[in-house]
């Protein structure tokens, strides 16, 4: 069997840059659900040749951020049924991460998380982008502290898909969400893995229910 020829490292770096740039555009809503993704236009916009952009788009399609309709490449949005499934899986994975991180996170990181949470005055004073930045800081710090690299990668990918849905930042969830975050941090600091896991489950379950209610106007599932 012949060995697969890998592209030069420089090409891989350009492809990664293109992948990251397009993914950021999807996360920020600059490329929204159903938008046509034009390889040539993106290459011009990013100042890259079409080859790394084409490879990046192929990777994004393989990761289900993009989909094909005939020969047209489209942004693959997240529907309600998928986000509910994602949140259920996140509940399991992030509870395990919180359990594993208990007693392992540095005092400096714990203090930094608390400070950033308390600096957010209220839903009207915090942009969605800043809210996501702080939310990522907490959740991904916990996943990283767990020491499980696969867990960190999976949680990161699921959080990206959650962000693409665009409805996790429900205003009514601001204060409850912050209190739940602080409860998670307190349990991790105390080294209580089970309490940290339970606090994470309550937090993600609350976010999942809020998403469902905000879309359907009904009660939780």
N, C-alpha and C. Protein backbone atom coordinates (compact mmCIF):
# COMPACT_ATOMS: atom_id res chain seq x y z
N UNK A 1 0.85 -1.19 0.00
CA UNK A 1 0.00 0.00 0.00
C UNK A 1 0.88 1.24 0.00
N UNK A 2 0.61 2.18 -0.93
CA UNK A 2 1.42 3.37 -1.02
C UNK A 2 1.08 4.34 0.09
N UNK A 3 2.12 5.02 0.59
CA UNK A 3 1.91 6.01 1.63
C UNK A 3 1.20 7.23 1.04
N UNK A 4 0.29 7.81 1.82
CA UNK A 4 -0.41 9.02 1.39
C UNK A 4 0.55 10.19 1.44
N UNK A 5 0.59 10.95 0.35
CA UNK A 5 1.49 12.10 0.30
C UNK A 5 0.83 13.29 0.99
N UNK A 6 1.49 13.81 2.01
CA UNK A 6 0.94 14.93 2.76
C UNK A 6 1.37 16.25 2.12
N UNK A 7 0.50 17.27 2.20
CA UNK A 7 0.88 18.57 1.66
C UNK A 7 2.01 19.18 2.47
N UNK A 8 2.81 20.07 1.88
CA UNK A 8 3.89 20.71 2.62
C UNK A 8 3.36 21.42 3.86
N UNK A 9 4.20 21.54 4.93
CA UNK A 9 3.75 22.19 6.16
C UNK A 9 3.19 23.59 5.93
N UNK A 10 3.79 24.34 4.98
CA UNK A 10 3.33 25.70 4.70
C UNK A 10 1.89 25.68 4.20
N UNK A 11 1.59 24.73 3.31
CA UNK A 11 0.24 24.60 2.79
C UNK A 11 -0.74 24.23 3.89
N UNK A 12 -0.30 23.34 4.80
CA UNK A 12 -1.17 22.95 5.91
C UNK A 12 -1.49 24.15 6.79
N UNK A 13 -0.48 25.03 7.00
CA UNK A 13 -0.69 26.22 7.81
C UNK A 13 -1.69 27.15 7.16
N UNK A 14 -1.60 27.33 5.84
CA UNK A 14 -2.54 28.20 5.13
C UNK A 14 -3.95 27.62 5.18
N UNK A 15 -4.04 26.30 5.04
CA UNK A 15 -5.35 25.64 5.13
C UNK A 15 -5.95 25.84 6.51
N UNK A 16 -5.13 25.70 7.55
CA UNK A 16 -5.62 25.89 8.92
C UNK A 16 -6.07 27.33 9.12
N UNK A 17 -5.30 28.28 8.58
CA UNK A 17 -5.69 29.69 8.70
C UNK A 17 -7.03 29.93 8.03
N UNK A 18 -7.22 29.35 6.85
CA UNK A 18 -8.48 29.51 6.13
C UNK A 18 -9.62 28.85 6.90
N UNK A 19 -9.37 27.66 7.43
CA UNK A 19 -10.38 26.93 8.22
C UNK A 19 -10.82 27.78 9.41
N UNK A 20 -9.84 28.31 10.16
CA UNK A 20 -10.15 29.10 11.35
C UNK A 20 -10.92 30.37 10.98
N UNK A 21 -10.51 31.01 9.89
CA UNK A 21 -11.16 32.26 9.49
C UNK A 21 -12.61 32.04 9.09
N UNK A 22 -12.87 31.01 8.30
CA UNK A 22 -14.24 30.74 7.86
C UNK A 22 -15.10 30.29 9.03
N UNK A 23 -14.53 29.49 9.92
CA UNK A 23 -15.29 29.05 11.10
C UNK A 23 -15.67 30.24 11.97
N UNK A 24 -14.75 31.20 12.13
CA UNK A 24 -15.08 32.41 12.90
C UNK A 24 -16.22 33.18 12.24
N UNK A 25 -16.22 33.23 10.92
CA UNK A 25 -17.29 33.92 10.19
C UNK A 25 -18.63 33.23 10.43
N UNK A 26 -18.61 31.91 10.48
CA UNK A 26 -19.85 31.16 10.74
C UNK A 26 -20.32 31.41 12.17
N UNK A 27 -19.38 31.36 13.12
CA UNK A 27 -19.73 31.56 14.53
C UNK A 27 -20.28 32.96 14.78
N UNK A 28 -19.71 33.95 14.09
CA UNK A 28 -20.13 35.35 14.29
C UNK A 28 -21.40 35.69 13.54
N UNK A 29 -21.86 34.79 12.67
CA UNK A 29 -23.07 35.05 11.91
C UNK A 29 -22.83 35.79 10.61
N UNK A 30 -21.55 36.07 10.29
CA UNK A 30 -21.24 36.70 9.00
C UNK A 30 -21.60 35.75 7.86
N UNK A 31 -21.49 34.46 8.12
CA UNK A 31 -22.00 33.42 7.23
C UNK A 31 -23.09 32.69 8.02
N UNK A 32 -24.34 32.92 7.64
CA UNK A 32 -25.47 32.40 8.40
C UNK A 32 -26.02 31.13 7.76
N UNK A 33 -26.90 30.47 8.49
CA UNK A 33 -27.52 29.24 8.03
C UNK A 33 -28.12 29.42 6.63
N UNK A 34 -27.71 28.55 5.71
CA UNK A 34 -28.25 28.58 4.35
C UNK A 34 -27.51 29.50 3.39
N UNK A 35 -26.56 30.31 3.90
CA UNK A 35 -25.80 31.18 3.01
C UNK A 35 -24.93 30.36 2.06
N UNK A 36 -24.82 30.83 0.82
CA UNK A 36 -23.95 30.18 -0.16
C UNK A 36 -22.50 30.55 0.16
N UNK A 37 -21.63 29.56 0.15
CA UNK A 37 -20.20 29.77 0.41
C UNK A 37 -19.46 29.70 -0.92
N UNK A 38 -18.88 30.83 -1.32
CA UNK A 38 -18.20 30.93 -2.60
C UNK A 38 -16.70 30.87 -2.39
N UNK A 39 -16.09 29.83 -2.94
CA UNK A 39 -14.65 29.60 -2.74
C UNK A 39 -13.81 30.76 -3.26
N UNK A 40 -14.09 31.23 -4.47
CA UNK A 40 -13.29 32.31 -5.07
C UNK A 40 -13.41 33.59 -4.25
N UNK A 41 -14.65 33.94 -3.86
CA UNK A 41 -14.86 35.17 -3.09
C UNK A 41 -14.17 35.11 -1.74
N UNK A 42 -14.23 33.95 -1.09
CA UNK A 42 -13.56 33.79 0.20
C UNK A 42 -12.04 33.91 0.05
N UNK A 43 -11.50 33.31 -1.00
CA UNK A 43 -10.05 33.38 -1.23
C UNK A 43 -9.61 34.84 -1.38
N UNK A 44 -10.39 35.62 -2.13
CA UNK A 44 -10.08 37.04 -2.30
C UNK A 44 -10.19 37.79 -0.98
N UNK A 45 -11.23 37.48 -0.23
CA UNK A 45 -11.46 38.15 1.04
C UNK A 45 -10.37 37.86 2.05
N UNK A 46 -9.87 36.62 2.05
CA UNK A 46 -8.86 36.20 3.01
C UNK A 46 -7.44 36.45 2.51
N UNK A 47 -7.30 36.85 1.23
CA UNK A 47 -5.97 37.09 0.68
C UNK A 47 -5.17 35.81 0.50
N UNK A 48 -5.86 34.72 0.16
CA UNK A 48 -5.21 33.42 -0.01
C UNK A 48 -5.51 32.89 -1.40
N UNK A 49 -4.71 31.92 -1.83
CA UNK A 49 -5.01 31.24 -3.08
C UNK A 49 -6.20 30.32 -2.85
N UNK A 50 -6.78 29.83 -3.93
CA UNK A 50 -8.00 29.03 -3.79
C UNK A 50 -7.72 27.63 -3.24
N UNK A 51 -6.48 27.13 -3.39
CA UNK A 51 -6.19 25.76 -2.95
C UNK A 51 -6.38 25.57 -1.45
N UNK A 52 -5.74 26.38 -0.58
CA UNK A 52 -5.96 26.17 0.86
C UNK A 52 -7.41 26.45 1.28
N UNK A 53 -8.07 27.40 0.59
CA UNK A 53 -9.46 27.68 0.91
C UNK A 53 -10.33 26.49 0.54
N UNK A 54 -10.07 25.88 -0.62
CA UNK A 54 -10.82 24.70 -1.05
C UNK A 54 -10.64 23.57 -0.04
N UNK A 55 -9.41 23.36 0.42
CA UNK A 55 -9.14 22.30 1.38
C UNK A 55 -9.83 22.60 2.73
N UNK A 56 -9.81 23.87 3.13
CA UNK A 56 -10.47 24.25 4.38
C UNK A 56 -11.97 24.04 4.29
N UNK A 57 -12.56 24.38 3.16
CA UNK A 57 -14.00 24.19 2.99
C UNK A 57 -14.36 22.70 3.01
N UNK A 58 -13.46 21.88 2.45
CA UNK A 58 -13.68 20.44 2.50
C UNK A 58 -13.68 19.92 3.93
N UNK A 59 -12.77 20.44 4.73
CA UNK A 59 -12.72 20.05 6.15
C UNK A 59 -13.97 20.52 6.89
N UNK A 60 -14.41 21.74 6.59
CA UNK A 60 -15.61 22.27 7.24
C UNK A 60 -16.85 21.47 6.85
N UNK A 61 -16.88 21.03 5.60
CA UNK A 61 -17.99 20.18 5.17
C UNK A 61 -17.94 18.83 5.88
N UNK A 62 -16.74 18.28 6.00
CA UNK A 62 -16.59 17.00 6.69
C UNK A 62 -16.96 17.08 8.16
N UNK A 63 -16.82 18.28 8.74
CA UNK A 63 -17.17 18.49 10.15
C UNK A 63 -18.61 18.95 10.32
N UNK A 64 -19.36 18.99 9.19
CA UNK A 64 -20.79 19.32 9.18
C UNK A 64 -21.10 20.79 9.45
N UNK A 65 -20.10 21.66 9.29
CA UNK A 65 -20.37 23.09 9.38
C UNK A 65 -20.93 23.59 8.03
N UNK A 66 -20.63 22.87 6.97
CA UNK A 66 -21.12 23.19 5.63
C UNK A 66 -21.79 21.96 5.05
N UNK A 67 -22.69 22.18 4.08
CA UNK A 67 -23.35 21.07 3.40
C UNK A 67 -23.52 21.41 1.93
N UNK A 68 -23.73 20.39 1.12
CA UNK A 68 -23.90 20.59 -0.32
C UNK A 68 -25.36 20.43 -0.72
N UNK A 69 -25.77 21.30 -1.62
CA UNK A 69 -27.06 21.18 -2.28
C UNK A 69 -26.75 21.18 -3.77
N UNK A 70 -26.68 19.99 -4.36
CA UNK A 70 -26.18 19.87 -5.74
C UNK A 70 -24.70 20.21 -5.74
N UNK A 71 -24.31 21.22 -6.50
CA UNK A 71 -22.91 21.64 -6.56
C UNK A 71 -22.66 22.87 -5.70
N UNK A 72 -23.69 23.34 -5.02
CA UNK A 72 -23.58 24.55 -4.20
C UNK A 72 -23.25 24.19 -2.75
N UNK A 73 -22.30 24.93 -2.18
CA UNK A 73 -21.89 24.72 -0.80
C UNK A 73 -22.61 25.74 0.07
N UNK A 74 -23.28 25.26 1.13
CA UNK A 74 -24.09 26.12 2.00
C UNK A 74 -23.66 25.97 3.45
N UNK A 75 -23.88 27.02 4.23
CA UNK A 75 -23.67 26.93 5.67
C UNK A 75 -24.73 26.01 6.25
N UNK A 76 -24.29 25.05 7.04
CA UNK A 76 -25.18 24.05 7.60
C UNK A 76 -25.59 24.46 9.01
N UNK A 77 -26.73 25.11 9.13
CA UNK A 77 -27.20 25.59 10.43
C UNK A 77 -27.61 24.46 11.36
N UNK A 78 -27.93 24.83 12.59
CA UNK A 78 -28.31 23.87 13.62
C UNK A 78 -29.80 24.05 13.91
N UNK A 79 -30.56 22.99 13.77
CA UNK A 79 -32.00 23.03 14.04
C UNK A 79 -32.26 22.72 15.52
N UNK A 80 -33.49 22.98 15.96
CA UNK A 80 -33.84 22.79 17.37
C UNK A 80 -33.59 21.36 17.83
N UNK A 81 -33.99 20.38 17.02
CA UNK A 81 -33.82 18.99 17.43
C UNK A 81 -32.35 18.65 17.64
N UNK A 82 -31.47 19.21 16.78
CA UNK A 82 -30.04 18.93 16.93
C UNK A 82 -29.47 19.62 18.16
N UNK A 83 -29.88 20.87 18.42
CA UNK A 83 -29.31 21.56 19.58
C UNK A 83 -29.73 20.89 20.87
N UNK A 84 -30.93 20.33 20.92
CA UNK A 84 -31.35 19.62 22.13
C UNK A 84 -30.51 18.36 22.33
N UNK A 85 -30.18 17.68 21.23
CA UNK A 85 -29.30 16.51 21.31
C UNK A 85 -27.89 16.92 21.75
N UNK A 86 -27.40 18.01 21.16
CA UNK A 86 -26.06 18.50 21.51
C UNK A 86 -25.99 18.83 23.00
N UNK A 87 -27.00 19.53 23.50
CA UNK A 87 -26.98 19.92 24.91
C UNK A 87 -27.02 18.69 25.83
N UNK A 88 -27.75 17.66 25.42
CA UNK A 88 -27.80 16.43 26.21
C UNK A 88 -26.44 15.75 26.26
N UNK A 89 -25.74 15.74 25.13
CA UNK A 89 -24.40 15.13 25.10
C UNK A 89 -23.42 15.99 25.88
N UNK A 90 -23.52 17.31 25.72
CA UNK A 90 -22.66 18.20 26.49
C UNK A 90 -22.84 17.98 27.99
N UNK A 91 -24.08 17.74 28.41
CA UNK A 91 -24.36 17.51 29.82
C UNK A 91 -23.52 16.35 30.36
N UNK A 92 -23.45 15.28 29.58
CA UNK A 92 -22.69 14.10 30.01
C UNK A 92 -21.19 14.38 30.01
N UNK A 93 -20.70 14.94 28.90
CA UNK A 93 -19.27 15.17 28.76
C UNK A 93 -18.74 16.22 29.74
N UNK A 94 -19.49 17.32 29.88
CA UNK A 94 -19.00 18.40 30.72
C UNK A 94 -19.15 18.09 32.21
N UNK A 95 -20.11 17.24 32.55
CA UNK A 95 -20.20 16.78 33.94
C UNK A 95 -18.97 15.95 34.28
N UNK A 96 -18.55 15.10 33.35
CA UNK A 96 -17.36 14.29 33.57
C UNK A 96 -16.12 15.17 33.67
N UNK A 97 -16.05 16.21 32.82
CA UNK A 97 -14.92 17.13 32.87
C UNK A 97 -14.87 17.86 34.20
N UNK A 98 -16.02 18.32 34.68
CA UNK A 98 -16.07 19.03 35.96
C UNK A 98 -15.66 18.12 37.11
N UNK A 99 -16.11 16.87 37.05
CA UNK A 99 -15.75 15.90 38.09
C UNK A 99 -14.23 15.69 38.11
N UNK A 100 -13.65 15.56 36.92
CA UNK A 100 -12.21 15.31 36.82
C UNK A 100 -11.38 16.54 37.19
N UNK A 101 -11.94 17.74 36.97
CA UNK A 101 -11.20 18.98 37.23
C UNK A 101 -11.22 19.37 38.70
N UNK A 102 -12.13 18.78 39.48
CA UNK A 102 -12.28 19.16 40.88
C UNK A 102 -10.97 19.00 41.64
N UNK A 103 -10.57 20.07 42.32
CA UNK A 103 -9.34 20.04 43.11
C UNK A 103 -8.07 20.20 42.32
N UNK A 104 -8.17 20.35 40.99
CA UNK A 104 -6.98 20.43 40.14
C UNK A 104 -6.74 21.82 39.55
N UNK A 105 -7.76 22.67 39.55
CA UNK A 105 -7.61 23.98 38.91
C UNK A 105 -6.85 24.93 39.82
N UNK A 106 -5.95 25.70 39.24
CA UNK A 106 -5.12 26.61 40.03
C UNK A 106 -5.96 27.73 40.64
N UNK A 107 -5.49 28.27 41.74
CA UNK A 107 -6.18 29.37 42.40
C UNK A 107 -6.26 30.58 41.48
N UNK A 108 -5.19 30.80 40.72
CA UNK A 108 -5.17 31.94 39.79
C UNK A 108 -6.25 31.81 38.73
N UNK A 109 -6.43 30.62 38.18
CA UNK A 109 -7.44 30.40 37.14
C UNK A 109 -8.85 30.54 37.74
N UNK A 110 -9.05 29.99 38.93
CA UNK A 110 -10.35 30.11 39.60
C UNK A 110 -10.70 31.57 39.84
N UNK A 111 -9.72 32.33 40.31
CA UNK A 111 -9.96 33.76 40.58
C UNK A 111 -10.26 34.51 39.28
N UNK A 112 -9.55 34.15 38.20
CA UNK A 112 -9.75 34.82 36.91
C UNK A 112 -11.15 34.55 36.38
N UNK A 113 -11.62 33.32 36.54
CA UNK A 113 -12.97 32.97 36.09
C UNK A 113 -14.01 33.75 36.88
N UNK A 114 -13.86 33.77 38.21
CA UNK A 114 -14.81 34.49 39.06
C UNK A 114 -14.83 35.98 38.69
N UNK A 115 -13.66 36.55 38.49
CA UNK A 115 -13.59 37.97 38.17
C UNK A 115 -14.31 38.29 36.87
N UNK A 116 -14.10 37.45 35.85
CA UNK A 116 -14.73 37.70 34.56
C UNK A 116 -16.24 37.52 34.63
N UNK A 117 -16.68 36.57 35.45
CA UNK A 117 -18.12 36.39 35.62
C UNK A 117 -18.75 37.62 36.29
N UNK A 118 -18.10 38.13 37.32
CA UNK A 118 -18.67 39.24 38.08
C UNK A 118 -18.55 40.57 37.35
N UNK A 119 -17.64 40.67 36.39
CA UNK A 119 -17.49 41.90 35.61
C UNK A 119 -18.65 42.11 34.65
N UNK A 120 -19.38 41.04 34.34
CA UNK A 120 -20.53 41.17 33.44
C UNK A 120 -21.71 41.70 34.24
N UNK A 121 -22.04 42.98 34.02
CA UNK A 121 -23.05 43.65 34.85
C UNK A 121 -24.46 43.12 34.62
N UNK A 122 -24.82 42.85 33.39
CA UNK A 122 -26.17 42.39 33.09
C UNK A 122 -26.32 42.14 31.61
N UNK A 123 -27.40 41.49 31.20
CA UNK A 123 -27.58 41.11 29.80
C UNK A 123 -27.63 42.29 28.84
N UNK A 124 -28.08 43.45 29.33
CA UNK A 124 -28.16 44.64 28.46
C UNK A 124 -26.81 45.31 28.26
N UNK A 125 -25.86 45.03 29.16
CA UNK A 125 -24.55 45.68 29.07
C UNK A 125 -23.47 44.77 28.49
N UNK A 126 -23.83 43.54 28.16
CA UNK A 126 -22.84 42.57 27.67
C UNK A 126 -23.21 42.13 26.26
N UNK A 127 -22.27 42.26 25.33
CA UNK A 127 -22.53 41.80 23.97
C UNK A 127 -22.55 40.28 23.93
N UNK A 128 -23.19 39.73 22.90
CA UNK A 128 -23.23 38.27 22.75
C UNK A 128 -21.82 37.71 22.61
N UNK A 129 -20.97 38.45 21.87
CA UNK A 129 -19.59 37.98 21.68
C UNK A 129 -18.82 37.90 22.98
N UNK A 130 -18.98 38.92 23.83
CA UNK A 130 -18.28 38.92 25.12
C UNK A 130 -18.83 37.83 26.03
N UNK A 131 -20.14 37.66 26.00
CA UNK A 131 -20.75 36.60 26.80
C UNK A 131 -20.17 35.24 26.42
N UNK A 132 -20.06 34.99 25.11
CA UNK A 132 -19.51 33.72 24.64
C UNK A 132 -18.05 33.57 25.04
N UNK A 133 -17.31 34.69 25.01
CA UNK A 133 -15.89 34.64 25.37
C UNK A 133 -15.71 34.20 26.82
N UNK A 134 -16.51 34.79 27.72
CA UNK A 134 -16.43 34.42 29.14
C UNK A 134 -16.92 32.99 29.34
N UNK A 135 -18.00 32.64 28.65
CA UNK A 135 -18.54 31.29 28.76
C UNK A 135 -17.53 30.25 28.31
N UNK A 136 -16.87 30.53 27.19
CA UNK A 136 -15.82 29.63 26.70
C UNK A 136 -14.68 29.51 27.71
N UNK A 137 -14.30 30.65 28.29
CA UNK A 137 -13.20 30.66 29.24
C UNK A 137 -13.48 29.70 30.40
N UNK A 138 -14.70 29.74 30.91
CA UNK A 138 -15.05 28.84 32.02
C UNK A 138 -15.12 27.39 31.57
N UNK A 139 -15.94 27.12 30.56
CA UNK A 139 -16.18 25.73 30.17
C UNK A 139 -14.93 25.05 29.62
N UNK A 140 -14.16 25.77 28.80
CA UNK A 140 -12.97 25.15 28.21
C UNK A 140 -11.83 25.06 29.22
N UNK A 141 -11.78 25.97 30.20
CA UNK A 141 -10.79 25.85 31.28
C UNK A 141 -11.04 24.59 32.09
N UNK A 142 -12.31 24.31 32.35
CA UNK A 142 -12.67 23.10 33.09
C UNK A 142 -12.29 21.86 32.28
N UNK A 143 -12.63 21.87 30.99
CA UNK A 143 -12.31 20.72 30.14
C UNK A 143 -10.81 20.51 30.06
N UNK A 144 -10.06 21.60 29.95
CA UNK A 144 -8.60 21.50 29.87
C UNK A 144 -8.02 20.97 31.18
N UNK A 145 -8.55 21.44 32.30
CA UNK A 145 -8.06 21.00 33.61
C UNK A 145 -8.35 19.53 33.86
N UNK A 146 -9.36 19.00 33.21
CA UNK A 146 -9.69 17.58 33.38
C UNK A 146 -8.53 16.69 32.96
N UNK A 147 -7.68 17.21 32.06
CA UNK A 147 -6.52 16.44 31.60
C UNK A 147 -6.81 15.48 30.47
N UNK A 148 -8.05 15.45 30.00
CA UNK A 148 -8.46 14.54 28.92
C UNK A 148 -8.54 15.33 27.62
N UNK A 149 -7.56 15.14 26.74
CA UNK A 149 -7.47 15.94 25.52
C UNK A 149 -8.63 15.66 24.56
N UNK A 150 -9.07 14.41 24.50
CA UNK A 150 -10.20 14.08 23.63
C UNK A 150 -11.47 14.74 24.15
N UNK A 151 -11.65 14.74 25.45
CA UNK A 151 -12.81 15.38 26.06
C UNK A 151 -12.81 16.88 25.75
N UNK A 152 -11.64 17.50 25.85
CA UNK A 152 -11.51 18.91 25.54
C UNK A 152 -11.89 19.20 24.09
N UNK A 153 -11.43 18.36 23.17
CA UNK A 153 -11.73 18.57 21.75
C UNK A 153 -13.22 18.40 21.47
N UNK A 154 -13.81 17.36 22.03
CA UNK A 154 -15.23 17.10 21.79
C UNK A 154 -16.11 18.21 22.37
N UNK A 155 -15.78 18.65 23.56
CA UNK A 155 -16.55 19.73 24.18
C UNK A 155 -16.42 21.01 23.36
N UNK A 156 -15.21 21.29 22.89
CA UNK A 156 -15.00 22.47 22.05
C UNK A 156 -15.83 22.43 20.78
N UNK A 157 -15.86 21.26 20.13
CA UNK A 157 -16.62 21.12 18.90
C UNK A 157 -18.13 21.27 19.15
N UNK A 158 -18.61 20.68 20.23
CA UNK A 158 -20.04 20.77 20.54
C UNK A 158 -20.43 22.20 20.93
N UNK A 159 -19.53 22.90 21.60
CA UNK A 159 -19.81 24.30 21.94
C UNK A 159 -19.86 25.16 20.68
N UNK A 160 -19.03 24.85 19.70
CA UNK A 160 -19.08 25.59 18.44
C UNK A 160 -20.42 25.38 17.75
N UNK A 161 -20.90 24.13 17.73
CA UNK A 161 -22.20 23.85 17.13
C UNK A 161 -23.32 24.55 17.92
N UNK A 162 -23.18 24.60 19.24
CA UNK A 162 -24.17 25.30 20.07
C UNK A 162 -24.22 26.77 19.68
N UNK A 163 -23.04 27.36 19.51
CA UNK A 163 -22.99 28.79 19.17
C UNK A 163 -23.62 29.06 17.81
N UNK A 164 -23.50 28.12 16.89
CA UNK A 164 -24.09 28.30 15.56
C UNK A 164 -25.61 28.36 15.63
N UNK A 165 -26.20 27.75 16.64
CA UNK A 165 -27.65 27.82 16.80
C UNK A 165 -28.08 29.23 17.16
N UNK A 166 -27.21 29.91 17.96
CA UNK A 166 -27.41 31.32 18.21
C UNK A 166 -28.44 31.68 19.25
N UNK A 167 -28.94 30.73 20.04
CA UNK A 167 -29.97 31.07 21.02
C UNK A 167 -29.64 30.61 22.43
N UNK A 168 -28.35 30.39 22.72
CA UNK A 168 -28.04 29.97 24.09
C UNK A 168 -28.04 31.17 25.04
N UNK A 169 -27.76 32.37 24.52
CA UNK A 169 -27.72 33.54 25.38
C UNK A 169 -29.12 34.14 25.51
N UNK A 170 -29.97 33.48 26.26
CA UNK A 170 -31.33 33.94 26.53
C UNK A 170 -31.26 34.92 27.70
N UNK A 171 -31.75 36.17 27.55
CA UNK A 171 -31.61 37.18 28.61
C UNK A 171 -32.07 36.72 29.99
N UNK A 172 -33.16 35.98 30.04
CA UNK A 172 -33.68 35.53 31.34
C UNK A 172 -32.74 34.54 32.03
N UNK A 173 -31.79 34.00 31.27
CA UNK A 173 -30.85 33.03 31.83
C UNK A 173 -29.59 33.69 32.38
N UNK A 174 -29.46 35.01 32.23
CA UNK A 174 -28.20 35.67 32.58
C UNK A 174 -27.83 35.46 34.05
N UNK A 175 -28.71 35.90 34.96
CA UNK A 175 -28.41 35.80 36.38
C UNK A 175 -28.38 34.35 36.86
N UNK A 176 -29.38 33.51 36.51
CA UNK A 176 -29.29 32.09 36.90
C UNK A 176 -28.03 31.42 36.36
N UNK A 177 -27.69 31.75 35.10
CA UNK A 177 -26.51 31.14 34.50
C UNK A 177 -25.24 31.51 35.23
N UNK A 178 -25.12 32.78 35.62
CA UNK A 178 -23.93 33.20 36.36
C UNK A 178 -23.86 32.51 37.72
N UNK A 179 -24.99 32.43 38.41
CA UNK A 179 -24.99 31.75 39.71
C UNK A 179 -24.62 30.28 39.57
N UNK A 180 -25.10 29.64 38.51
CA UNK A 180 -24.75 28.24 38.26
C UNK A 180 -23.27 28.09 37.95
N UNK A 181 -22.72 29.04 37.19
CA UNK A 181 -21.28 29.02 36.90
C UNK A 181 -20.48 29.13 38.20
N UNK A 182 -20.89 30.05 39.06
CA UNK A 182 -20.17 30.25 40.32
C UNK A 182 -20.27 29.00 41.21
N UNK A 183 -21.41 28.32 41.17
CA UNK A 183 -21.56 27.08 41.94
C UNK A 183 -20.61 25.99 41.42
N UNK A 184 -20.44 25.94 40.12
CA UNK A 184 -19.50 24.98 39.53
C UNK A 184 -18.08 25.28 39.98
N UNK A 185 -17.71 26.57 39.91
CA UNK A 185 -16.36 26.99 40.30
C UNK A 185 -16.12 26.69 41.78
N UNK A 186 -17.10 26.96 42.62
CA UNK A 186 -16.96 26.70 44.07
C UNK A 186 -16.72 25.21 44.33
N UNK A 187 -17.46 24.35 43.63
CA UNK A 187 -17.33 22.90 43.84
C UNK A 187 -15.96 22.41 43.36
N UNK A 188 -15.49 22.96 42.24
CA UNK A 188 -14.17 22.58 41.73
C UNK A 188 -13.09 23.02 42.71
N UNK A 189 -13.23 24.24 43.22
CA UNK A 189 -12.25 24.74 44.19
C UNK A 189 -12.23 23.88 45.45
N UNK A 190 -13.41 23.42 45.88
CA UNK A 190 -13.51 22.60 47.09
C UNK A 190 -13.04 21.16 46.86
N UNK A 191 -12.79 20.81 45.60
CA UNK A 191 -12.34 19.45 45.30
C UNK A 191 -13.46 18.43 45.37
N UNK A 192 -14.69 18.89 45.28
CA UNK A 192 -15.85 18.00 45.37
C UNK A 192 -16.32 17.66 43.96
N UNK A 193 -15.84 16.54 43.44
CA UNK A 193 -16.13 16.15 42.06
C UNK A 193 -17.59 15.91 41.79
N UNK A 194 -18.27 15.24 42.69
CA UNK A 194 -19.69 14.93 42.46
C UNK A 194 -20.53 16.20 42.48
N UNK A 195 -20.22 17.10 43.40
CA UNK A 195 -20.97 18.36 43.46
C UNK A 195 -20.71 19.20 42.21
N UNK A 196 -19.46 19.17 41.73
CA UNK A 196 -19.12 19.91 40.51
C UNK A 196 -19.87 19.34 39.31
N UNK A 197 -19.93 18.00 39.23
CA UNK A 197 -20.64 17.35 38.12
C UNK A 197 -22.12 17.67 38.16
N UNK A 198 -22.72 17.61 39.34
CA UNK A 198 -24.15 17.89 39.48
C UNK A 198 -24.45 19.35 39.15
N UNK A 199 -23.56 20.25 39.55
CA UNK A 199 -23.75 21.68 39.25
C UNK A 199 -23.68 21.93 37.75
N UNK A 200 -22.78 21.22 37.08
CA UNK A 200 -22.66 21.36 35.62
C UNK A 200 -23.91 20.84 34.93
N UNK A 201 -24.44 19.70 35.39
CA UNK A 201 -25.67 19.15 34.81
C UNK A 201 -26.82 20.14 34.97
N UNK A 202 -26.97 20.72 36.17
CA UNK A 202 -28.04 21.69 36.39
C UNK A 202 -27.90 22.89 35.46
N UNK A 203 -26.67 23.33 35.28
CA UNK A 203 -26.41 24.50 34.43
C UNK A 203 -26.78 24.23 32.97
N UNK A 204 -26.29 23.14 32.41
CA UNK A 204 -26.54 22.86 31.00
C UNK A 204 -28.00 22.47 30.78
N UNK A 205 -28.60 21.79 31.74
CA UNK A 205 -30.02 21.45 31.64
C UNK A 205 -30.87 22.73 31.65
N UNK A 206 -30.48 23.69 32.47
CA UNK A 206 -31.19 24.96 32.51
C UNK A 206 -31.08 25.71 31.19
N UNK A 207 -29.88 25.70 30.60
CA UNK A 207 -29.68 26.35 29.31
C UNK A 207 -30.47 25.64 28.22
N UNK A 208 -30.49 24.31 28.26
CA UNK A 208 -31.23 23.52 27.27
C UNK A 208 -32.72 23.83 27.35
N UNK A 209 -33.27 23.88 28.55
CA UNK A 209 -34.69 24.17 28.72
C UNK A 209 -35.02 25.58 28.26
N UNK A 210 -34.11 26.53 28.53
CA UNK A 210 -34.35 27.92 28.12
C UNK A 210 -34.35 28.05 26.61
N UNK A 211 -33.46 27.32 25.95
CA UNK A 211 -33.43 27.32 24.49
C UNK A 211 -34.74 26.80 23.94
N UNK A 212 -35.20 25.68 24.49
CA UNK A 212 -36.45 25.09 24.01
C UNK A 212 -37.62 26.05 24.19
N UNK A 213 -37.69 26.67 25.35
CA UNK A 213 -38.79 27.59 25.63
C UNK A 213 -38.72 28.84 24.75
N UNK A 214 -37.49 29.34 24.49
CA UNK A 214 -37.35 30.55 23.69
C UNK A 214 -37.77 30.32 22.25
N UNK A 215 -37.62 29.10 21.76
CA UNK A 215 -37.97 28.78 20.38
C UNK A 215 -39.43 28.41 20.24
N UNK A 216 -39.93 27.62 21.19
CA UNK A 216 -41.30 27.09 21.06
C UNK A 216 -42.33 27.87 21.86
N UNK A 217 -41.85 28.62 22.87
CA UNK A 217 -42.79 29.33 23.74
C UNK A 217 -43.50 28.41 24.71
N UNK A 218 -43.03 27.15 24.77
CA UNK A 218 -43.67 26.16 25.64
C UNK A 218 -42.79 25.80 26.81
N UNK A 219 -43.20 24.78 27.52
CA UNK A 219 -42.46 24.30 28.69
C UNK A 219 -41.29 23.45 28.27
N UNK A 220 -40.47 23.04 29.23
CA UNK A 220 -39.28 22.23 28.96
C UNK A 220 -39.67 20.82 28.59
N UNK A 221 -38.75 20.19 27.84
CA UNK A 221 -39.00 18.80 27.44
C UNK A 221 -38.51 17.86 28.51
